[in-house]
Structure formats: C-alpha cells, structure tokens
Amino acid sequence: MKYSFLIPAVVLAITLNLHAQPAGFAVTQRGADYKVLQNTVSENGTNRVHQITELATGLHYLNNGQWQNHGMRL
C-alpha cells in the first residue's frame, strides 16, 4: 500500500502527550495550528531525517510576529 507509513505515524501522534517533545527532536516550523519536529540520525553512513507534524486547533498564538506555544497541558 502506497500510504502504509501513515498508520505508524498516526499511532505515534495519538500515543504522544500533545505537548511533549520526543527526545532528540527539535521544532523546525510553527504555525497557528501545527508544529513540525525533526530529528536527523546517521544510519550506515547515510543521514536520515525523521519528521513528525503535530496538528491541533489553536496550538500556538502570534506574539510580535513569532508563533508561541500556549504551554497548556491537557
């Protein structure tokens, strides 16, 4: 199946605490309703980028032109 990689990603997103950041991942992009986390690992001499996109309504707010985290814990 062409999109079989989506199932593990959805399961991972559901099991993560909504505002917890997985170890080794850094936030690379933010928007009002999303954030992108990336981690680069070296496997057999090749760098692989792992990426998680978290979606949630109202995840961030705009403060002086920068998206900020509300800091909520659900």
PDB file of N, CA and C in Angstrom:
ATOM      1  N   MET A   1       0.834  -1.176   0.000  1.00  0.00           N
ATOM      2  CA  MET A   1       0.000   0.000   0.000  1.00  0.00           C
ATOM      3  C   MET A   1       0.882   1.244   0.000  1.00  0.00           C
ATOM      4  N   LYS A   2       0.559   2.195  -0.826  1.00  0.00           N
ATOM      5  CA  LYS A   2       1.382   3.385  -1.019  1.00  0.00           C
ATOM      6  C   LYS A   2       1.521   4.228   0.246  1.00  0.00           C
ATOM      7  N   TYR A   3       0.480   4.331   1.067  1.00  0.00           N
ATOM      8  CA  TYR A   3       0.498   5.187   2.241  1.00  0.00           C
ATOM      9  C   TYR A   3       0.585   4.396   3.552  1.00  0.00           C
ATOM     10  N   SER A   4       1.198   3.228   3.525  1.00  0.00           N
ATOM     11  CA  SER A   4       1.270   2.400   4.720  1.00  0.00           C
ATOM     12  C   SER A   4       2.093   3.046   5.833  1.00  0.00           C
ATOM     13  N   PHE A   5       2.964   4.005   5.495  1.00  0.00           N
ATOM     14  CA  PHE A   5       3.748   4.691   6.517  1.00  0.00           C
ATOM     15  C   PHE A   5       2.885   5.610   7.378  1.00  0.00           C
ATOM     16  N   LEU A   6       1.695   5.963   6.933  1.00  0.00           N
ATOM     17  CA  LEU A   6       0.829   6.865   7.691  1.00  0.00           C
ATOM     18  C   LEU A   6       0.284   6.223   8.960  1.00  0.00           C
ATOM     19  N   ILE A   7       0.034   4.927   8.926  1.00  0.00           N
ATOM     20  CA  ILE A   7      -0.544   4.253  10.088  1.00  0.00           C
ATOM     21  C   ILE A   7       0.384   4.343  11.296  1.00  0.00           C
ATOM     22  N   PRO A   8       1.682   4.018  11.191  1.00  0.00           N
ATOM     23  CA  PRO A   8       2.551   4.183  12.367  1.00  0.00           C
ATOM     24  C   PRO A   8       2.653   5.642  12.817  1.00  0.00           C
ATOM     25  N   ALA A   9       2.629   6.581  11.883  1.00  0.00           N
ATOM     26  CA  ALA A   9       2.711   7.998  12.245  1.00  0.00           C
ATOM     27  C   ALA A   9       1.484   8.432  13.025  1.00  0.00           C
ATOM     28  N   VAL A  10       0.315   7.968  12.634  1.00  0.00           N
ATOM     29  CA  VAL A  10      -0.915   8.319  13.339  1.00  0.00           C
ATOM     30  C   VAL A  10      -0.909   7.691  14.728  1.00  0.00           C
ATOM     31  N   VAL A  11      -0.488   6.451  14.827  1.00  0.00           N
ATOM     32  CA  VAL A  11      -0.413   5.782  16.132  1.00  0.00           C
ATOM     33  C   VAL A  11       0.566   6.522  17.032  1.00  0.00           C
ATOM     34  N   LEU A  12       1.709   6.936  16.506  1.00  0.00           N
ATOM     35  CA  LEU A  12       2.687   7.680  17.288  1.00  0.00           C
ATOM     36  C   LEU A  12       2.097   8.995  17.764  1.00  0.00           C
ATOM     37  N   ALA A  13       1.422   9.714  16.900  1.00  0.00           N
ATOM     38  CA  ALA A  13       0.827  11.002  17.264  1.00  0.00           C
ATOM     39  C   ALA A  13      -0.223  10.844  18.352  1.00  0.00           C
ATOM     40  N   ILE A  14      -0.988   9.766  18.308  1.00  0.00           N
ATOM     41  CA  ILE A  14      -2.026   9.538  19.308  1.00  0.00           C
ATOM     42  C   ILE A  14      -1.407   9.183  20.660  1.00  0.00           C
ATOM     43  N   THR A  15      -0.335   8.421  20.663  1.00  0.00           N
ATOM     44  CA  THR A  15       0.252   7.976  21.916  1.00  0.00           C
ATOM     45  C   THR A  15       1.114   9.033  22.583  1.00  0.00           C
ATOM     46  N   LEU A  16       1.584  10.033  21.840  1.00  0.00           N
ATOM     47  CA  LEU A  16       2.402  11.094  22.428  1.00  0.00           C
ATOM     48  C   LEU A  16       1.518  12.045  23.224  1.00  0.00           C
ATOM     49  N   ASN A  17       2.048  12.542  24.328  1.00  0.00           N
ATOM     50  CA  ASN A  17       1.383  13.628  25.030  1.00  0.00           C
ATOM     51  C   ASN A  17       1.344  14.796  24.060  1.00  0.00           C
ATOM     52  N   LEU A  18       0.230  15.512  23.945  1.00  0.00           N
ATOM     53  CA  LEU A  18       0.061  16.530  22.918  1.00  0.00           C
ATOM     54  C   LEU A  18       1.157  17.580  22.893  1.00  0.00           C
ATOM     55  N   HIS A  19       1.709  17.936  24.036  1.00  0.00           N
ATOM     56  CA  HIS A  19       2.709  18.993  24.050  1.00  0.00           C
ATOM     57  C   HIS A  19       4.084  18.488  24.460  1.00  0.00           C
ATOM     58  N   ALA A  20       4.263  17.196  24.556  1.00  0.00           N
ATOM     59  CA  ALA A  20       5.575  16.646  24.866  1.00  0.00           C
ATOM     60  C   ALA A  20       6.399  16.586  23.593  1.00  0.00           C
ATOM     61  N   GLN A  21       7.675  16.808  23.716  1.00  0.00           N
ATOM     62  CA  GLN A  21       8.562  16.755  22.560  1.00  0.00           C
ATOM     63  C   GLN A  21       9.426  15.510  22.687  1.00  0.00           C
ATOM     64  N   PRO A  22       9.379  14.619  21.689  1.00  0.00           N
ATOM     65  CA  PRO A  22      10.185  13.403  21.750  1.00  0.00           C
ATOM     66  C   PRO A  22      11.679  13.728  21.872  1.00  0.00           C
ATOM     67  N   ALA A  23      12.404  12.906  22.601  1.00  0.00           N
ATOM     68  CA  ALA A  23      13.837  13.122  22.805  1.00  0.00           C
ATOM     69  C   ALA A  23      14.571  13.177  21.472  1.00  0.00           C
ATOM     70  N   GLY A  24      15.448  14.150  21.333  1.00  0.00           N
ATOM     71  CA  GLY A  24      16.252  14.283  20.135  1.00  0.00           C
ATOM     72  C   GLY A  24      15.585  15.050  19.010  1.00  0.00           C
ATOM     73  N   PHE A  25      14.331  15.388  19.140  1.00  0.00           N
ATOM     74  CA  PHE A  25      13.619  16.126  18.102  1.00  0.00           C
ATOM     75  C   PHE A  25      13.649  17.614  18.422  1.00  0.00           C
ATOM     76  N   ALA A  26      13.725  18.429  17.376  1.00  0.00           N
ATOM     77  CA  ALA A  26      13.700  19.881  17.520  1.00  0.00           C
ATOM     78  C   ALA A  26      12.560  20.442  16.677  1.00  0.00           C
ATOM     79  N   VAL A  27      11.933  21.501  17.170  1.00  0.00           N
ATOM     80  CA  VAL A  27      10.875  22.161  16.421  1.00  0.00           C
ATOM     81  C   VAL A  27      11.523  22.963  15.294  1.00  0.00           C
ATOM     82  N   THR A  28      11.112  22.680  14.049  1.00  0.00           N
ATOM     83  CA  THR A  28      11.682  23.382  12.899  1.00  0.00           C
ATOM     84  C   THR A  28      10.713  24.371  12.267  1.00  0.00           C
ATOM     85  N   GLN A  29       9.421  24.205  12.513  1.00  0.00           N
ATOM     86  CA  GLN A  29       8.410  25.116  11.988  1.00  0.00           C
ATOM     87  C   GLN A  29       7.254  25.190  12.970  1.00  0.00           C
ATOM     88  N   ARG A  30       6.610  26.367  13.026  1.00  0.00           N
ATOM     89  CA  ARG A  30       5.405  26.545  13.842  1.00  0.00           C
ATOM     90  C   ARG A  30       4.391  27.343  13.040  1.00  0.00           C
ATOM     91  N   GLY A  31       3.137  27.079  13.298  1.00  0.00           N
ATOM     92  CA  GLY A  31       2.036  27.843  12.733  1.00  0.00           C
ATOM     93  C   GLY A  31       0.922  27.875  13.756  1.00  0.00           C
ATOM     94  N   ALA A  32      -0.166  28.531  13.435  1.00  0.00           N
ATOM     95  CA  ALA A  32      -1.279  28.641  14.382  1.00  0.00           C
ATOM     96  C   ALA A  32      -1.767  27.267  14.834  1.00  0.00           C
ATOM     97  N   ASP A  33      -1.834  26.306  13.908  1.00  0.00           N
ATOM     98  CA  ASP A  33      -2.448  25.008  14.196  1.00  0.00           C
ATOM     99  C   ASP A  33      -1.517  23.821  13.968  1.00  0.00           C
ATOM    100  N   TYR A  34      -0.216  24.051  13.879  1.00  0.00           N
ATOM    101  CA  TYR A  34       0.706  22.935  13.649  1.00  0.00           C
ATOM    102  C   TYR A  34       2.106  23.263  14.158  1.00  0.00           C
ATOM    103  N   LYS A  35       2.898  22.210  14.350  1.00  0.00           N
ATOM    104  CA  LYS A  35       4.341  22.348  14.529  1.00  0.00           C
ATOM    105  C   LYS A  35       5.006  21.138  13.897  1.00  0.00           C
ATOM    106  N   VAL A  36       6.202  21.347  13.388  1.00  0.00           N
ATOM    107  CA  VAL A  36       6.967  20.290  12.731  1.00  0.00           C
ATOM    108  C   VAL A  36       8.201  20.014  13.585  1.00  0.00           C
ATOM    109  N   LEU A  37       8.401  18.742  13.940  1.00  0.00           N
ATOM    110  CA  LEU A  37       9.552  18.301  14.709  1.00  0.00           C
ATOM    111  C   LEU A  37      10.436  17.444  13.807  1.00  0.00           C
ATOM    112  N   GLN A  38      11.744  17.654  13.880  1.00  0.00           N
ATOM    113  CA  GLN A  38      12.663  16.862  13.060  1.00  0.00           C
ATOM    114  C   GLN A  38      13.821  16.347  13.892  1.00  0.00           C
ATOM    115  N   ASN A  39      14.333  15.206  13.455  1.00  0.00           N
ATOM    116  CA  ASN A  39      15.495  14.575  14.065  1.00  0.00           C
ATOM    117  C   ASN A  39      16.298  13.953  12.930  1.00  0.00           C
ATOM    118  N   THR A  40      17.600  14.163  12.921  1.00  0.00           N
ATOM    119  CA  THR A  40      18.466  13.562  11.903  1.00  0.00           C
ATOM    120  C   THR A  40      19.355  12.528  12.574  1.00  0.00           C
ATOM    121  N   VAL A  41      19.357  11.323  12.030  1.00  0.00           N
ATOM    122  CA  VAL A  41      20.182  10.241  12.568  1.00  0.00           C
ATOM    123  C   VAL A  41      21.039   9.667  11.438  1.00  0.00           C
ATOM    124  N   SER A  42      22.210   9.173  11.810  1.00  0.00           N
ATOM    125  CA  SER A  42      23.098   8.550  10.834  1.00  0.00           C
ATOM    126  C   SER A  42      22.906   7.044  10.899  1.00  0.00           C
ATOM    127  N   GLU A  43      22.547   6.465   9.766  1.00  0.00           N
ATOM    128  CA  GLU A  43      22.357   5.018   9.672  1.00  0.00           C
ATOM    129  C   GLU A  43      23.174   4.495   8.509  1.00  0.00           C
ATOM    130  N   ASN A  44      24.169   3.674   8.805  1.00  0.00           N
ATOM    131  CA  ASN A  44      25.033   3.073   7.784  1.00  0.00           C
ATOM    132  C   ASN A  44      25.659   4.127   6.879  1.00  0.00           C
ATOM    133  N   GLY A  45      26.121   5.233   7.476  1.00  0.00           N
ATOM    134  CA  GLY A  45      26.783   6.279   6.720  1.00  0.00           C
ATOM    135  C   GLY A  45      25.845   7.210   5.966  1.00  0.00           C
ATOM    136  N   THR A  46      24.550   7.030   6.142  1.00  0.00           N
ATOM    137  CA  THR A  46      23.564   7.875   5.472  1.00  0.00           C
ATOM    138  C   THR A  46      22.761   8.623   6.530  1.00  0.00           C
ATOM    139  N   ASN A  47      22.613   9.923   6.335  1.00  0.00           N
ATOM    140  CA  ASN A  47      21.784  10.703   7.252  1.00  0.00           C
ATOM    141  C   ASN A  47      20.319  10.559   6.858  1.00  0.00           C
ATOM    142  N   ARG A  48      19.488  10.234   7.854  1.00  0.00           N
ATOM    143  CA  ARG A  48      18.045  10.115   7.626  1.00  0.00           C
ATOM    144  C   ARG A  48      17.337  11.135   8.496  1.00  0.00           C
ATOM    145  N   VAL A  49      16.405  11.855   7.905  1.00  0.00           N
ATOM    146  CA  VAL A  49      15.629  12.849   8.626  1.00  0.00           C
ATOM    147  C   VAL A  49      14.278  12.245   8.981  1.00  0.00           C
ATOM    148  N   HIS A  50      13.971  12.243  10.277  1.00  0.00           N
ATOM    149  CA  HIS A  50      12.678  11.791  10.758  1.00  0.00           C
ATOM    150  C   HIS A  50      11.866  13.029  11.090  1.00  0.00           C
ATOM    151  N   GLN A  51      10.618  13.053  10.668  1.00  0.00           N
ATOM    152  CA  GLN A  51       9.794  14.241  10.847  1.00  0.00           C
ATOM    153  C   GLN A  51       8.424  13.874  11.383  1.00  0.00           C
ATOM    154  N   ILE A  52       7.953  14.649  12.351  1.00  0.00           N
ATOM    155  CA  ILE A  52       6.618  14.494  12.914  1.00  0.00           C
ATOM    156  C   ILE A  52       5.915  15.838  12.774  1.00  0.00           C
ATOM    157  N   THR A  53       4.694  15.840  12.278  1.00  0.00           N
ATOM    158  CA  THR A  53       3.887  17.057  12.217  1.00  0.00           C
ATOM    159  C   THR A  53       2.734  16.902  13.188  1.00  0.00           C
ATOM    160  N   GLU A  54       2.666  17.794  14.167  1.00  0.00           N
ATOM    161  CA  GLU A  54       1.589  17.782  15.151  1.00  0.00           C
ATOM    162  C   GLU A  54       0.539  18.795  14.715  1.00  0.00           C
ATOM    163  N   LEU A  55      -0.708  18.353  14.656  1.00  0.00           N
ATOM    164  CA  LEU A  55      -1.824  19.213  14.283  1.00  0.00           C
ATOM    165  C   LEU A  55      -2.764  19.365  15.465  1.00  0.00           C
ATOM    166  N   ALA A  56      -3.159  20.594  15.760  1.00  0.00           N
ATOM    167  CA  ALA A  56      -4.128  20.862  16.820  1.00  0.00           C
ATOM    168  C   ALA A  56      -4.661  22.269  16.624  1.00  0.00           C
ATOM    169  N   THR A  57      -5.943  22.445  16.752  1.00  0.00           N
ATOM    170  CA  THR A  57      -6.538  23.762  16.610  1.00  0.00           C
ATOM    171  C   THR A  57      -6.054  24.670  17.737  1.00  0.00           C
ATOM    172  N   GLY A  58      -5.547  25.848  17.367  1.00  0.00           N
ATOM    173  CA  GLY A  58      -5.090  26.823  18.356  1.00  0.00           C
ATOM    174  C   GLY A  58      -3.843  26.415  19.103  1.00  0.00           C
ATOM    175  N   LEU A  59      -2.966  25.660  18.485  1.00  0.00           N
ATOM    176  CA  LEU A  59      -1.752  25.163  19.135  1.00  0.00           C
ATOM    177  C   LEU A  59      -0.824  26.296  19.555  1.00  0.00           C
ATOM    178  N   HIS A  60      -0.729  27.360  18.739  1.00  0.00           N
ATOM    179  CA  HIS A  60       0.157  28.486  19.022  1.00  0.00           C
ATOM    180  C   HIS A  60      -0.584  29.800  18.879  1.00  0.00           C
ATOM    181  N   TYR A  61       0.005  30.866  19.405  1.00  0.00           N
ATOM    182  CA  TYR A  61      -0.535  32.210  19.231  1.00  0.00           C
ATOM    183  C   TYR A  61       0.573  33.112  18.695  1.00  0.00           C
ATOM    184  N   LEU A  62       0.198  34.162  17.994  1.00  0.00           N
ATOM    185  CA  LEU A  62       1.145  35.078  17.372  1.00  0.00           C
ATOM    186  C   LEU A  62       1.508  36.173  18.366  1.00  0.00           C
ATOM    187  N   ASN A  63       2.816  36.335  18.634  1.00  0.00           N
ATOM    188  CA  ASN A  63       3.319  37.338  19.562  1.00  0.00           C
ATOM    189  C   ASN A  63       4.499  38.045  18.907  1.00  0.00           C
ATOM    190  N   ASN A  64       4.317  39.314  18.545  1.00  0.00           N
ATOM    191  CA  ASN A  64       5.364  40.096  17.872  1.00  0.00           C
ATOM    192  C   ASN A  64       5.901  39.392  16.627  1.00  0.00           C
ATOM    193  N   GLY A  65       5.015  38.815  15.848  1.00  0.00           N
ATOM    194  CA  GLY A  65       5.397  38.165  14.598  1.00  0.00           C
ATOM    195  C   GLY A  65       5.974  36.764  14.740  1.00  0.00           C
ATOM    196  N   GLN A  66       6.007  36.223  15.963  1.00  0.00           N
ATOM    197  CA  GLN A  66       6.537  34.877  16.208  1.00  0.00           C
ATOM    198  C   GLN A  66       5.432  34.006  16.794  1.00  0.00           C
ATOM    199  N   TRP A  67       5.338  32.756  16.331  1.00  0.00           N
ATOM    200  CA  TRP A  67       4.368  31.821  16.886  1.00  0.00           C
ATOM    201  C   TRP A  67       4.903  31.297  18.208  1.00  0.00           C
ATOM    202  N   GLN A  68       4.099  31.396  19.250  1.00  0.00           N
ATOM    203  CA  GLN A  68       4.475  30.964  20.591  1.00  0.00           C
ATOM    204  C   GLN A  68       3.569  29.837  21.053  1.00  0.00           C
ATOM    205  N   ASN A  69       4.108  28.929  21.863  1.00  0.00           N
ATOM    206  CA  ASN A  69       3.364  27.826  22.435  1.00  0.00           C
ATOM    207  C   ASN A  69       2.535  28.346  23.613  1.00  0.00           C
ATOM    208  N   HIS A  70       1.292  27.904  23.722  1.00  0.00           N
ATOM    209  CA  HIS A  70       0.462  28.303  24.852  1.00  0.00           C
ATOM    210  C   HIS A  70       0.958  27.731  26.165  1.00  0.00           C
ATOM    211  N   GLY A  71       1.689  26.618  26.112  1.00  0.00           N
ATOM    212  CA  GLY A  71       2.192  25.990  27.324  1.00  0.00           C
ATOM    213  C   GLY A  71       1.145  25.225  28.091  1.00  0.00           C
ATOM    214  N   MET A  72       0.031  24.871  27.439  1.00  0.00           N
ATOM    215  CA  MET A  72      -1.050  24.134  28.095  1.00  0.00           C
ATOM    216  C   MET A  72      -0.669  22.666  28.256  1.00  0.00           C
ATOM    217  N   ARG A  73      -1.159  22.067  29.311  1.00  0.00           N
ATOM    218  CA  ARG A  73      -1.049  20.620  29.499  1.00  0.00           C
ATOM    219  C   ARG A  73      -2.449  20.072  29.559  1.00  0.00           C
ATOM    220  N   LEU A  74      -2.755  19.122  28.672  1.00  0.00           N
ATOM    221  CA  LEU A  74      -4.087  18.517  28.648  1.00  0.00           C
ATOM    222  C   LEU A  74      -4.079  17.192  29.355  1.00  0.00           C
TER     223      LEU A  74
END
